[in-house]
Amino acid sequence: MPVYEYRCGSGHVFERILPVSSYLVPQVCDCGHMSQKVILHPPRVFGDYEGYESPGTGKWVEGRAARERDLRECNCRPYELGEREDMVKRQIANENQLDKVVDAVVDQTLAEITA
């Protein structure tokens, strides 16, 4: 929904998040005076989903419909509650395990070289 800016008769400037259908509905300031819509900045619209990189194609995806289409095309599904955090923990554990293996191989190689 867009964010509209208003100014009342007392000079107070405020913002309201309104549906486009309420674009022309007069707004009342917190001080009680009627206000007029002013254009100090271009209207801002907040999207429903922030953009992300597609897990299947690597393309940038923004918006609900594009996200649903991308997941369907890549044969993926959205994460369930807590699933993403579990995946990150598993990745960190795997990286730590790999670091230990690499360290052991390096130590063994150094011992063989210096012997």
PDB file of N, CA and C in Angstrom:
ATOM      1  N   MET A   1       0.838  -1.179   0.000  1.00  0.00           N
ATOM      2  CA  MET A   1       0.000   0.000   0.000  1.00  0.00           C
ATOM      3  C   MET A   1       0.882   1.240   0.000  1.00  0.00           C
ATOM      4  N   PRO A   2       0.446   2.263  -0.695  1.00  0.00           N
ATOM      5  CA  PRO A   2       1.231   3.503  -0.743  1.00  0.00           C
ATOM      6  C   PRO A   2       1.190   4.271   0.574  1.00  0.00           C
ATOM      7  N   VAL A   3       2.221   5.062   0.789  1.00  0.00           N
ATOM      8  CA  VAL A   3       2.296   5.952   1.944  1.00  0.00           C
ATOM      9  C   VAL A   3       2.036   7.360   1.429  1.00  0.00           C
ATOM     10  N   TYR A   4       1.003   8.012   1.956  1.00  0.00           N
ATOM     11  CA  TYR A   4       0.643   9.361   1.532  1.00  0.00           C
ATOM     12  C   TYR A   4       1.002  10.350   2.641  1.00  0.00           C
ATOM     13  N   GLU A   5       1.376  11.568   2.234  1.00  0.00           N
ATOM     14  CA  GLU A   5       1.732  12.613   3.189  1.00  0.00           C
ATOM     15  C   GLU A   5       0.614  13.653   3.228  1.00  0.00           C
ATOM     16  N   TYR A   6       0.349  14.146   4.436  1.00  0.00           N
ATOM     17  CA  TYR A   6      -0.714  15.127   4.641  1.00  0.00           C
ATOM     18  C   TYR A   6      -0.189  16.273   5.482  1.00  0.00           C
ATOM     19  N   ARG A   7      -0.830  17.453   5.332  1.00  0.00           N
ATOM     20  CA  ARG A   7      -0.518  18.629   6.149  1.00  0.00           C
ATOM     21  C   ARG A   7      -1.841  19.210   6.621  1.00  0.00           C
ATOM     22  N   CYS A   8      -1.930  19.453   7.943  1.00  0.00           N
ATOM     23  CA  CYS A   8      -3.161  20.017   8.494  1.00  0.00           C
ATOM     24  C   CYS A   8      -3.066  21.545   8.536  1.00  0.00           C
ATOM     25  N   GLY A   9      -4.160  22.192   8.945  1.00  0.00           N
ATOM     26  CA  GLY A   9      -4.210  23.642   9.031  1.00  0.00           C
ATOM     27  C   GLY A   9      -3.231  24.211  10.041  1.00  0.00           C
ATOM     28  N   SER A  10      -2.822  23.418  11.023  1.00  0.00           N
ATOM     29  CA  SER A  10      -1.857  23.866  12.024  1.00  0.00           C
ATOM     30  C   SER A  10      -0.416  23.697  11.554  1.00  0.00           C
ATOM     31  N   GLY A  11      -0.234  23.104  10.385  1.00  0.00           N
ATOM     32  CA  GLY A  11       1.104  22.934   9.833  1.00  0.00           C
ATOM     33  C   GLY A  11       1.752  21.601  10.141  1.00  0.00           C
ATOM     34  N   HIS A  12       1.045  20.712  10.841  1.00  0.00           N
ATOM     35  CA  HIS A  12       1.606  19.384  11.125  1.00  0.00           C
ATOM     36  C   HIS A  12       1.649  18.558   9.844  1.00  0.00           C
ATOM     37  N   VAL A  13       2.761  17.877   9.639  1.00  0.00           N
ATOM     38  CA  VAL A  13       2.906  16.984   8.486  1.00  0.00           C
ATOM     39  C   VAL A  13       2.948  15.558   9.015  1.00  0.00           C
ATOM     40  N   PHE A  14       2.154  14.683   8.403  1.00  0.00           N
ATOM     41  CA  PHE A  14       2.135  13.288   8.837  1.00  0.00           C
ATOM     42  C   PHE A  14       1.908  12.383   7.639  1.00  0.00           C
ATOM     43  N   GLU A  15       2.155  11.099   7.875  1.00  0.00           N
ATOM     44  CA  GLU A  15       2.011  10.101   6.819  1.00  0.00           C
ATOM     45  C   GLU A  15       0.921   9.114   7.202  1.00  0.00           C
ATOM     46  N   ARG A  16       0.277   8.559   6.191  1.00  0.00           N
ATOM     47  CA  ARG A  16      -0.700   7.494   6.386  1.00  0.00           C
ATOM     48  C   ARG A  16      -0.470   6.432   5.316  1.00  0.00           C
ATOM     49  N   ILE A  17      -0.554   5.191   5.733  1.00  0.00           N
ATOM     50  CA  ILE A  17      -0.502   4.073   4.793  1.00  0.00           C
ATOM     51  C   ILE A  17      -1.949   3.735   4.457  1.00  0.00           C
ATOM     52  N   LEU A  18      -2.314   3.954   3.203  1.00  0.00           N
ATOM     53  CA  LEU A  18      -3.708   3.758   2.789  1.00  0.00           C
ATOM     54  C   LEU A  18      -3.775   2.963   1.496  1.00  0.00           C
ATOM     55  N   PRO A  19      -4.848   2.220   1.301  1.00  0.00           N
ATOM     56  CA  PRO A  19      -5.030   1.578   0.005  1.00  0.00           C
ATOM     57  C   PRO A  19      -5.295   2.646  -1.056  1.00  0.00           C
ATOM     58  N   VAL A  20      -4.999   2.324  -2.277  1.00  0.00           N
ATOM     59  CA  VAL A  20      -5.184   3.277  -3.364  1.00  0.00           C
ATOM     60  C   VAL A  20      -6.651   3.708  -3.451  1.00  0.00           C
ATOM     61  N   SER A  21      -7.576   2.835  -3.087  1.00  0.00           N
ATOM     62  CA  SER A  21      -9.003   3.168  -3.138  1.00  0.00           C
ATOM     63  C   SER A  21      -9.359   4.290  -2.169  1.00  0.00           C
ATOM     64  N   SER A  22      -8.535   4.535  -1.143  1.00  0.00           N
ATOM     65  CA  SER A  22      -8.785   5.602  -0.168  1.00  0.00           C
ATOM     66  C   SER A  22      -7.971   6.856  -0.465  1.00  0.00           C
ATOM     67  N   TYR A  23      -7.469   6.954  -1.666  1.00  0.00           N
ATOM     68  CA  TYR A  23      -6.604   8.050  -2.084  1.00  0.00           C
ATOM     69  C   TYR A  23      -7.232   9.420  -1.832  1.00  0.00           C
ATOM     70  N   LEU A  24      -8.510   9.561  -2.089  1.00  0.00           N
ATOM     71  CA  LEU A  24      -9.173  10.867  -1.983  1.00  0.00           C
ATOM     72  C   LEU A  24      -9.925  11.066  -0.670  1.00  0.00           C
ATOM     73  N   VAL A  25      -9.893  10.125   0.245  1.00  0.00           N
ATOM     74  CA  VAL A  25     -10.602  10.251   1.512  1.00  0.00           C
ATOM     75  C   VAL A  25      -9.867  11.262   2.393  1.00  0.00           C
ATOM     76  N   PRO A  26     -10.574  12.314   2.875  1.00  0.00           N
ATOM     77  CA  PRO A  26      -9.910  13.302   3.743  1.00  0.00           C
ATOM     78  C   PRO A  26      -9.408  12.642   5.028  1.00  0.00           C
ATOM     79  N   GLN A  27      -8.281  13.130   5.537  1.00  0.00           N
ATOM     80  CA  GLN A  27      -7.685  12.585   6.745  1.00  0.00           C
ATOM     81  C   GLN A  27      -7.687  13.645   7.839  1.00  0.00           C
ATOM     82  N   VAL A  28      -7.834  13.193   9.077  1.00  0.00           N
ATOM     83  CA  VAL A  28      -7.836  14.092  10.226  1.00  0.00           C
ATOM     84  C   VAL A  28      -6.505  13.942  10.949  1.00  0.00           C
ATOM     85  N   CYS A  29      -5.874  15.069  11.249  1.00  0.00           N
ATOM     86  CA  CYS A  29      -4.600  15.093  11.976  1.00  0.00           C
ATOM     87  C   CYS A  29      -4.847  14.709  13.430  1.00  0.00           C
ATOM     88  N   ASP A  30      -3.776  14.325  14.138  1.00  0.00           N
ATOM     89  CA  ASP A  30      -3.883  13.995  15.558  1.00  0.00           C
ATOM     90  C   ASP A  30      -4.359  15.191  16.378  1.00  0.00           C
ATOM     91  N   CYS A  31      -4.121  16.410  15.869  1.00  0.00           N
ATOM     92  CA  CYS A  31      -4.568  17.606  16.585  1.00  0.00           C
ATOM     93  C   CYS A  31      -6.045  17.896  16.346  1.00  0.00           C
ATOM     94  N   GLY A  32      -6.682  17.137  15.446  1.00  0.00           N
ATOM     95  CA  GLY A  32      -8.113  17.291  15.208  1.00  0.00           C
ATOM     96  C   GLY A  32      -8.477  18.077  13.968  1.00  0.00           C
ATOM     97  N   HIS A  33      -7.523  18.722  13.313  1.00  0.00           N
ATOM     98  CA  HIS A  33      -7.809  19.504  12.112  1.00  0.00           C
ATOM     99  C   HIS A  33      -7.833  18.617  10.879  1.00  0.00           C
ATOM    100  N   MET A  34      -8.649  19.020   9.921  1.00  0.00           N
ATOM    101  CA  MET A  34      -8.675  18.325   8.637  1.00  0.00           C
ATOM    102  C   MET A  34      -7.370  18.626   7.910  1.00  0.00           C
ATOM    103  N   SER A  35      -6.955  17.720   7.067  1.00  0.00           N
ATOM    104  CA  SER A  35      -5.681  17.898   6.385  1.00  0.00           C
ATOM    105  C   SER A  35      -5.843  17.734   4.889  1.00  0.00           C
ATOM    106  N   GLN A  36      -4.853  18.228   4.176  1.00  0.00           N
ATOM    107  CA  GLN A  36      -4.809  18.103   2.726  1.00  0.00           C
ATOM    108  C   GLN A  36      -3.619  17.235   2.353  1.00  0.00           C
ATOM    109  N   LYS A  37      -3.816  16.463   1.304  1.00  0.00           N
ATOM    110  CA  LYS A  37      -2.721  15.633   0.824  1.00  0.00           C
ATOM    111  C   LYS A  37      -1.697  16.544   0.172  1.00  0.00           C
ATOM    112  N   VAL A  38      -0.441  16.327   0.480  1.00  0.00           N
ATOM    113  CA  VAL A  38       0.651  17.081  -0.128  1.00  0.00           C
ATOM    114  C   VAL A  38       1.629  16.089  -0.733  1.00  0.00           C
ATOM    115  N   ILE A  39       2.347  16.532  -1.712  1.00  0.00           N
ATOM    116  CA  ILE A  39       3.354  15.680  -2.329  1.00  0.00           C
ATOM    117  C   ILE A  39       4.716  16.275  -2.004  1.00  0.00           C
ATOM    118  N   LEU A  40       5.296  15.803  -0.912  1.00  0.00           N
ATOM    119  CA  LEU A  40       6.636  16.223  -0.527  1.00  0.00           C
ATOM    120  C   LEU A  40       7.664  15.249  -1.096  1.00  0.00           C
ATOM    121  N   HIS A  41       7.264  13.992  -1.192  1.00  0.00           N
ATOM    122  CA  HIS A  41       8.105  12.929  -1.732  1.00  0.00           C
ATOM    123  C   HIS A  41       7.217  12.071  -2.627  1.00  0.00           C
ATOM    124  N   PRO A  42       7.791  11.369  -3.579  1.00  0.00           N
ATOM    125  CA  PRO A  42       6.965  10.457  -4.371  1.00  0.00           C
ATOM    126  C   PRO A  42       6.374   9.384  -3.462  1.00  0.00           C
ATOM    127  N   PRO A  43       5.164   8.911  -3.744  1.00  0.00           N
ATOM    128  CA  PRO A  43       4.567   7.885  -2.894  1.00  0.00           C
ATOM    129  C   PRO A  43       5.453   6.644  -2.816  1.00  0.00           C
ATOM    130  N   ARG A  44       5.539   6.069  -1.628  1.00  0.00           N
ATOM    131  CA  ARG A  44       6.313   4.844  -1.430  1.00  0.00           C
ATOM    132  C   ARG A  44       5.353   3.672  -1.332  1.00  0.00           C
ATOM    133  N   VAL A  45       5.759   2.581  -1.911  1.00  0.00           N
ATOM    134  CA  VAL A  45       4.958   1.367  -1.856  1.00  0.00           C
ATOM    135  C   VAL A  45       5.805   0.276  -1.243  1.00  0.00           C
ATOM    136  N   PHE A  46       5.269  -0.398  -0.255  1.00  0.00           N
ATOM    137  CA  PHE A  46       5.985  -1.485   0.401  1.00  0.00           C
ATOM    138  C   PHE A  46       5.547  -2.792  -0.226  1.00  0.00           C
ATOM    139  N   GLY A  47       6.516  -3.564  -0.711  1.00  0.00           N
ATOM    140  CA  GLY A  47       6.210  -4.838  -1.341  1.00  0.00           C
ATOM    141  C   GLY A  47       5.831  -5.895  -0.321  1.00  0.00           C
ATOM    142  N   ASP A  48       5.235  -6.952  -0.811  1.00  0.00           N
ATOM    143  CA  ASP A  48       4.799  -8.008   0.075  1.00  0.00           C
ATOM    144  C   ASP A  48       5.930  -8.971   0.421  1.00  0.00           C
ATOM    145  N   TYR A  49       6.896  -9.164  -0.475  1.00  0.00           N
ATOM    146  CA  TYR A  49       8.062 -10.009  -0.217  1.00  0.00           C
ATOM    147  C   TYR A  49       9.295  -9.240  -0.641  1.00  0.00           C
ATOM    148  N   GLU A  50      10.339  -9.302   0.175  1.00  0.00           N
ATOM    149  CA  GLU A  50      11.575  -8.674  -0.266  1.00  0.00           C
ATOM    150  C   GLU A  50      12.233  -9.590  -1.286  1.00  0.00           C
ATOM    151  N   GLY A  51      13.047  -9.007  -2.141  1.00  0.00           N
ATOM    152  CA  GLY A  51      13.682  -9.778  -3.197  1.00  0.00           C
ATOM    153  C   GLY A  51      14.683 -10.791  -2.672  1.00  0.00           C
ATOM    154  N   TYR A  52      14.914 -11.819  -3.464  1.00  0.00           N
ATOM    155  CA  TYR A  52      15.897 -12.827  -3.101  1.00  0.00           C
ATOM    156  C   TYR A  52      16.423 -13.484  -4.364  1.00  0.00           C
ATOM    157  N   GLU A  53      17.548 -14.166  -4.231  1.00  0.00           N
ATOM    158  CA  GLU A  53      18.139 -14.875  -5.359  1.00  0.00           C
ATOM    159  C   GLU A  53      17.498 -16.252  -5.448  1.00  0.00           C
ATOM    160  N   SER A  54      17.001 -16.596  -6.626  1.00  0.00           N
ATOM    161  CA  SER A  54      16.337 -17.877  -6.830  1.00  0.00           C
ATOM    162  C   SER A  54      17.298 -19.024  -6.543  1.00  0.00           C
ATOM    163  N   PRO A  55      16.853 -20.020  -5.772  1.00  0.00           N
ATOM    164  CA  PRO A  55      17.731 -21.150  -5.494  1.00  0.00           C
ATOM    165  C   PRO A  55      17.976 -22.025  -6.717  1.00  0.00           C
ATOM    166  N   GLY A  56      17.075 -21.986  -7.689  1.00  0.00           N
ATOM    167  CA  GLY A  56      17.209 -22.839  -8.866  1.00  0.00           C
ATOM    168  C   GLY A  56      17.923 -22.199 -10.031  1.00  0.00           C
ATOM    169  N   THR A  57      17.644 -20.922 -10.272  1.00  0.00           N
ATOM    170  CA  THR A  57      18.188 -20.262 -11.460  1.00  0.00           C
ATOM    171  C   THR A  57      19.229 -19.210 -11.151  1.00  0.00           C
ATOM    172  N   GLY A  58      19.248 -18.700  -9.917  1.00  0.00           N
ATOM    173  CA  GLY A  58      20.187 -17.648  -9.555  1.00  0.00           C
ATOM    174  C   GLY A  58      19.702 -16.258  -9.942  1.00  0.00           C
ATOM    175  N   LYS A  59      18.522 -16.166 -10.561  1.00  0.00           N
ATOM    176  CA  LYS A  59      17.969 -14.853 -10.946  1.00  0.00           C
ATOM    177  C   LYS A  59      17.391 -14.162  -9.719  1.00  0.00           C
ATOM    178  N   TRP A  60      17.317 -12.827  -9.790  1.00  0.00           N
ATOM    179  CA  TRP A  60      16.728 -12.034  -8.719  1.00  0.00           C
ATOM    180  C   TRP A  60      15.212 -12.074  -8.874  1.00  0.00           C
ATOM    181  N   VAL A  61      14.496 -12.381  -7.782  1.00  0.00           N
ATOM    182  CA  VAL A  61      13.039 -12.529  -7.809  1.00  0.00           C
ATOM    183  C   VAL A  61      12.448 -11.571  -6.794  1.00  0.00           C
ATOM    184  N   GLU A  62      11.421 -10.821  -7.195  1.00  0.00           N
ATOM    185  CA  GLU A  62      10.732  -9.909  -6.282  1.00  0.00           C
ATOM    186  C   GLU A  62       9.233 -10.096  -6.417  1.00  0.00           C
ATOM    187  N   GLY A  63       8.534 -10.050  -5.302  1.00  0.00           N
ATOM    188  CA  GLY A  63       7.086 -10.099  -5.301  1.00  0.00           C
ATOM    189  C   GLY A  63       6.534 -11.500  -5.080  1.00  0.00           C
ATOM    190  N   ARG A  64       5.301 -11.538  -4.583  1.00  0.00           N
ATOM    191  CA  ARG A  64       4.648 -12.785  -4.227  1.00  0.00           C
ATOM    192  C   ARG A  64       4.427 -13.687  -5.436  1.00  0.00           C
ATOM    193  N   ALA A  65       3.861 -13.145  -6.519  1.00  0.00           N
ATOM    194  CA  ALA A  65       3.565 -13.964  -7.696  1.00  0.00           C
ATOM    195  C   ALA A  65       4.845 -14.499  -8.328  1.00  0.00           C
ATOM    196  N   ALA A  66       5.869 -13.658  -8.441  1.00  0.00           N
ATOM    197  CA  ALA A  66       7.138 -14.100  -9.030  1.00  0.00           C
ATOM    198  C   ALA A  66       7.790 -15.163  -8.156  1.00  0.00           C
ATOM    199  N   ARG A  67       7.679 -15.029  -6.848  1.00  0.00           N
ATOM    200  CA  ARG A  67       8.260 -16.023  -5.928  1.00  0.00           C
ATOM    201  C   ARG A  67       7.554 -17.360  -6.084  1.00  0.00           C
ATOM    202  N   GLU A  68       6.229 -17.339  -6.104  1.00  0.00           N
ATOM    203  CA  GLU A  68       5.475 -18.587  -6.248  1.00  0.00           C
ATOM    204  C   GLU A  68       5.790 -19.258  -7.584  1.00  0.00           C
ATOM    205  N   ARG A  69       5.869 -18.470  -8.656  1.00  0.00           N
ATOM    206  CA  ARG A  69       6.179 -19.010  -9.980  1.00  0.00           C
ATOM    207  C   ARG A  69       7.592 -19.607  -9.991  1.00  0.00           C
ATOM    208  N   ASP A  70       8.541 -18.900  -9.398  1.00  0.00           N
ATOM    209  CA  ASP A  70       9.929 -19.383  -9.360  1.00  0.00           C
ATOM    210  C   ASP A  70      10.029 -20.689  -8.587  1.00  0.00           C
ATOM    211  N   LEU A  71       9.393 -20.766  -7.423  1.00  0.00           N
ATOM    212  CA  LEU A  71       9.440 -21.993  -6.636  1.00  0.00           C
ATOM    213  C   LEU A  71       8.820 -23.156  -7.403  1.00  0.00           C
ATOM    214  N   ARG A  72       7.718 -22.890  -8.087  1.00  0.00           N
ATOM    215  CA  ARG A  72       7.047 -23.935  -8.871  1.00  0.00           C
ATOM    216  C   ARG A  72       7.940 -24.408 -10.017  1.00  0.00           C
ATOM    217  N   GLU A  73       8.564 -23.461 -10.739  1.00  0.00           N
ATOM    218  CA  GLU A  73       9.422 -23.806 -11.878  1.00  0.00           C
ATOM    219  C   GLU A  73      10.668 -24.574 -11.435  1.00  0.00           C
ATOM    220  N   CYS A  74      11.189 -24.263 -10.246  1.00  0.00           N
ATOM    221  CA  CYS A  74      12.398 -24.921  -9.740  1.00  0.00           C
ATOM    222  C   CYS A  74      12.072 -26.185  -8.949  1.00  0.00           C
ATOM    223  N   ASN A  75      10.782 -26.503  -8.854  1.00  0.00           N
ATOM    224  CA  ASN A  75      10.328 -27.660  -8.086  1.00  0.00           C
ATOM    225  C   ASN A  75      10.818 -27.560  -6.637  1.00  0.00           C
ATOM    226  N   CYS A  76      10.678 -26.354  -6.054  1.00  0.00           N
ATOM    227  CA  CYS A  76      11.078 -26.094  -4.675  1.00  0.00           C
ATOM    228  C   CYS A  76       9.854 -25.737  -3.856  1.00  0.00           C
ATOM    229  N   ARG A  77      10.045 -25.603  -2.577  1.00  0.00           N
ATOM    230  CA  ARG A  77       8.977 -25.161  -1.689  1.00  0.00           C
ATOM    231  C   ARG A  77       9.561 -24.153  -0.704  1.00  0.00           C
ATOM    232  N   PRO A  78       8.729 -23.273  -0.138  1.00  0.00           N
ATOM    233  CA  PRO A  78       9.251 -22.323   0.847  1.00  0.00           C
ATOM    234  C   PRO A  78       9.657 -23.047   2.133  1.00  0.00           C
ATOM    235  N   TYR A  79      10.595 -22.439   2.858  1.00  0.00           N
ATOM    236  CA  TYR A  79      11.002 -22.999   4.139  1.00  0.00           C
ATOM    237  C   TYR A  79       9.831 -22.963   5.110  1.00  0.00           C
ATOM    238  N   GLU A  80       9.754 -23.995   5.947  1.00  0.00           N
ATOM    239  CA  GLU A  80       8.787 -23.995   7.035  1.00  0.00           C
ATOM    240  C   GLU A  80       9.434 -23.341   8.244  1.00  0.00           C
ATOM    241  N   LEU A  81       8.638 -23.061   9.258  1.00  0.00           N
ATOM    242  CA  LEU A  81       9.107 -22.366  10.448  1.00  0.00           C
ATOM    243  C   LEU A  81      10.293 -23.097  11.079  1.00  0.00           C
ATOM    244  N   GLY A  82      11.418 -22.423  11.236  1.00  0.00           N
ATOM    245  CA  GLY A  82      12.601 -22.986  11.857  1.00  0.00           C
ATOM    246  C   GLY A  82      13.480 -23.806  10.922  1.00  0.00           C
ATOM    247  N   GLU A  83      12.990 -24.120   9.742  1.00  0.00           N
ATOM    248  CA  GLU A  83      13.744 -24.974   8.823  1.00  0.00           C
ATOM    249  C   GLU A  83      15.001 -24.287   8.302  1.00  0.00           C
ATOM    250  N   ARG A  84      14.892 -23.008   7.990  1.00  0.00           N
ATOM    251  CA  ARG A  84      16.049 -22.268   7.483  1.00  0.00           C
ATOM    252  C   ARG A  84      17.156 -22.213   8.537  1.00  0.00           C
ATOM    253  N   GLU A  85      16.784 -21.939   9.789  1.00  0.00           N
ATOM    254  CA  GLU A  85      17.765 -21.876  10.863  1.00  0.00           C
ATOM    255  C   GLU A  85      18.464 -23.228  11.041  1.00  0.00           C
ATOM    256  N   ASP A  86      17.696 -24.328  10.944  1.00  0.00           N
ATOM    257  CA  ASP A  86      18.287 -25.666  11.048  1.00  0.00           C
ATOM    258  C   ASP A  86      19.274 -25.912   9.916  1.00  0.00           C
ATOM    259  N   MET A  87      18.924 -25.466   8.710  1.00  0.00           N
ATOM    260  CA  MET A  87      19.797 -25.646   7.557  1.00  0.00           C
ATOM    261  C   MET A  87      21.110 -24.877   7.756  1.00  0.00           C
ATOM    262  N   VAL A  88      21.036 -23.663   8.269  1.00  0.00           N
ATOM    263  CA  VAL A  88      22.234 -22.862   8.512  1.00  0.00           C
ATOM    264  C   VAL A  88      23.108 -23.534   9.570  1.00  0.00           C
ATOM    265  N   LYS A  89      22.494 -24.062  10.632  1.00  0.00           N
ATOM    266  CA  LYS A  89      23.256 -24.767  11.674  1.00  0.00           C
ATOM    267  C   LYS A  89      23.964 -25.986  11.089  1.00  0.00           C
ATOM    268  N   ARG A  90      23.279 -26.735  10.223  1.00  0.00           N
ATOM    269  CA  ARG A  90      23.899 -27.908   9.597  1.00  0.00           C
ATOM    270  C   ARG A  90      25.064 -27.499   8.712  1.00  0.00           C
ATOM    271  N   GLN A  91      24.896 -26.395   7.965  1.00  0.00           N
ATOM    272  CA  GLN A  91      25.989 -25.924   7.103  1.00  0.00           C
ATOM    273  C   GLN A  91      27.208 -25.545   7.941  1.00  0.00           C
ATOM    274  N   ILE A  92      26.994 -24.852   9.031  1.00  0.00           N
ATOM    275  CA  ILE A  92      28.102 -24.448   9.904  1.00  0.00           C
ATOM    276  C   ILE A  92      28.784 -25.683  10.492  1.00  0.00           C
ATOM    277  N   ALA A  93      27.989 -26.680  10.932  1.00  0.00           N
ATOM    278  CA  ALA A  93      28.564 -27.908  11.483  1.00  0.00           C
ATOM    279  C   ALA A  93      29.384 -28.637  10.419  1.00  0.00           C
ATOM    280  N   ASN A  94      28.874 -28.689   9.175  1.00  0.00           N
ATOM    281  CA  ASN A  94      29.615 -29.337   8.087  1.00  0.00           C
ATOM    282  C   ASN A  94      30.914 -28.606   7.786  1.00  0.00           C
ATOM    283  N   GLU A  95      30.878 -27.278   7.794  1.00  0.00           N
ATOM    284  CA  GLU A  95      32.091 -26.495   7.555  1.00  0.00           C
ATOM    285  C   GLU A  95      33.109 -26.723   8.668  1.00  0.00           C
ATOM    286  N   ASN A  96      32.649 -26.790   9.911  1.00  0.00           N
ATOM    287  CA  ASN A  96      33.561 -27.045  11.031  1.00  0.00           C
ATOM    288  C   ASN A  96      34.190 -28.427  10.906  1.00  0.00           C
ATOM    289  N   GLN A  97      33.389 -29.413  10.514  1.00  0.00           N
ATOM    290  CA  GLN A  97      33.908 -30.773  10.326  1.00  0.00           C
ATOM    291  C   GLN A  97      34.944 -30.788   9.212  1.00  0.00           C
ATOM    292  N   LEU A  98      34.656 -30.099   8.122  1.00  0.00           N
ATOM    293  CA  LEU A  98      35.596 -30.032   6.999  1.00  0.00           C
ATOM    294  C   LEU A  98      36.890 -29.335   7.420  1.00  0.00           C
ATOM    295  N   ASP A  99      36.786 -28.274   8.214  1.00  0.00           N
ATOM    296  CA  ASP A  99      37.974 -27.574   8.714  1.00  0.00           C
ATOM    297  C   ASP A  99      38.861 -28.516   9.539  1.00  0.00           C
ATOM    298  N   LYS A 100      38.238 -29.357  10.375  1.00  0.00           N
ATOM    299  CA  LYS A 100      39.004 -30.301  11.188  1.00  0.00           C
ATOM    300  C   LYS A 100      39.739 -31.304  10.299  1.00  0.00           C
ATOM    301  N   VAL A 101      39.079 -31.800   9.255  1.00  0.00           N
ATOM    302  CA  VAL A 101      39.708 -32.763   8.347  1.00  0.00           C
ATOM    303  C   VAL A 101      40.881 -32.109   7.627  1.00  0.00           C
ATOM    304  N   VAL A 102      40.679 -30.880   7.128  1.00  0.00           N
ATOM    305  CA  VAL A 102      41.751 -30.167   6.428  1.00  0.00           C
ATOM    306  C   VAL A 102      42.926 -29.924   7.373  1.00  0.00           C
ATOM    307  N   ASP A 103      42.640 -29.494   8.604  1.00  0.00           N
ATOM    308  CA  ASP A 103      43.713 -29.259   9.583  1.00  0.00           C
ATOM    309  C   ASP A 103      44.503 -30.538   9.850  1.00  0.00           C
ATOM    310  N   ALA A 104      43.804 -31.668   9.979  1.00  0.00           N
ATOM    311  CA  ALA A 104      44.483 -32.943  10.237  1.00  0.00           C
ATOM    312  C   ALA A 104      45.385 -33.331   9.066  1.00  0.00           C
ATOM    313  N   VAL A 105      44.902 -33.142   7.843  1.00  0.00           N
ATOM    314  CA  VAL A 105      45.711 -33.468   6.663  1.00  0.00           C
ATOM    315  C   VAL A 105      46.928 -32.554   6.581  1.00  0.00           C
ATOM    316  N   VAL A 106      46.754 -31.275   6.850  1.00  0.00           N
ATOM    317  CA  VAL A 106      47.875 -30.332   6.823  1.00  0.00           C
ATOM    318  C   VAL A 106      48.903 -30.710   7.887  1.00  0.00           C
ATOM    319  N   ASP A 107      48.442 -31.018   9.103  1.00  0.00           N
ATOM    320  CA  ASP A 107      49.365 -31.413  10.173  1.00  0.00           C
ATOM    321  C   ASP A 107      50.134 -32.676   9.792  1.00  0.00           C
ATOM    322  N   GLN A 108      49.428 -33.647   9.215  1.00  0.00           N
ATOM    323  CA  GLN A 108      50.076 -34.895   8.813  1.00  0.00           C
ATOM    324  C   GLN A 108      51.106 -34.648   7.717  1.00  0.00           C
ATOM    325  N   THR A 109      50.766 -33.820   6.738  1.00  0.00           N
ATOM    326  CA  THR A 109      51.678 -33.509   5.649  1.00  0.00           C
ATOM    327  C   THR A 109      52.925 -32.789   6.170  1.00  0.00           C
ATOM    328  N   LEU A 110      52.725 -31.825   7.066  1.00  0.00           N
ATOM    329  CA  LEU A 110      53.867 -31.122   7.653  1.00  0.00           C
ATOM    330  C   LEU A 110      54.756 -32.059   8.441  1.00  0.00           C
ATOM    331  N   ALA A 111      54.151 -32.994   9.163  1.00  0.00           N
ATOM    332  CA  ALA A 111      54.948 -33.956   9.931  1.00  0.00           C
ATOM    333  C   ALA A 111      55.756 -34.840   8.999  1.00  0.00           C
ATOM    334  N   GLU A 112      55.186 -35.250   7.870  1.00  0.00           N
ATOM    335  CA  GLU A 112      55.896 -36.087   6.917  1.00  0.00           C
ATOM    336  C   GLU A 112      57.050 -35.315   6.254  1.00  0.00           C
ATOM    337  N   ILE A 113      56.821 -34.040   5.961  1.00  0.00           N
ATOM    338  CA  ILE A 113      57.834 -33.232   5.296  1.00  0.00           C
ATOM    339  C   ILE A 113      59.009 -32.969   6.226  1.00  0.00           C
ATOM    340  N   THR A 114      58.738 -32.672   7.479  1.00  0.00           N
ATOM    341  CA  THR A 114      59.788 -32.324   8.422  1.00  0.00           C
ATOM    342  C   THR A 114      60.494 -33.550   9.013  1.00  0.00           C
ATOM    343  N   ALA A 115      59.973 -34.737   8.779  1.00  0.00           N
ATOM    344  CA  ALA A 115      60.579 -35.949   9.349  1.00  0.00           C
ATOM    345  C   ALA A 115      61.759 -36.427   8.541  1.00  0.00           C
TER     346      ALA A 115
END
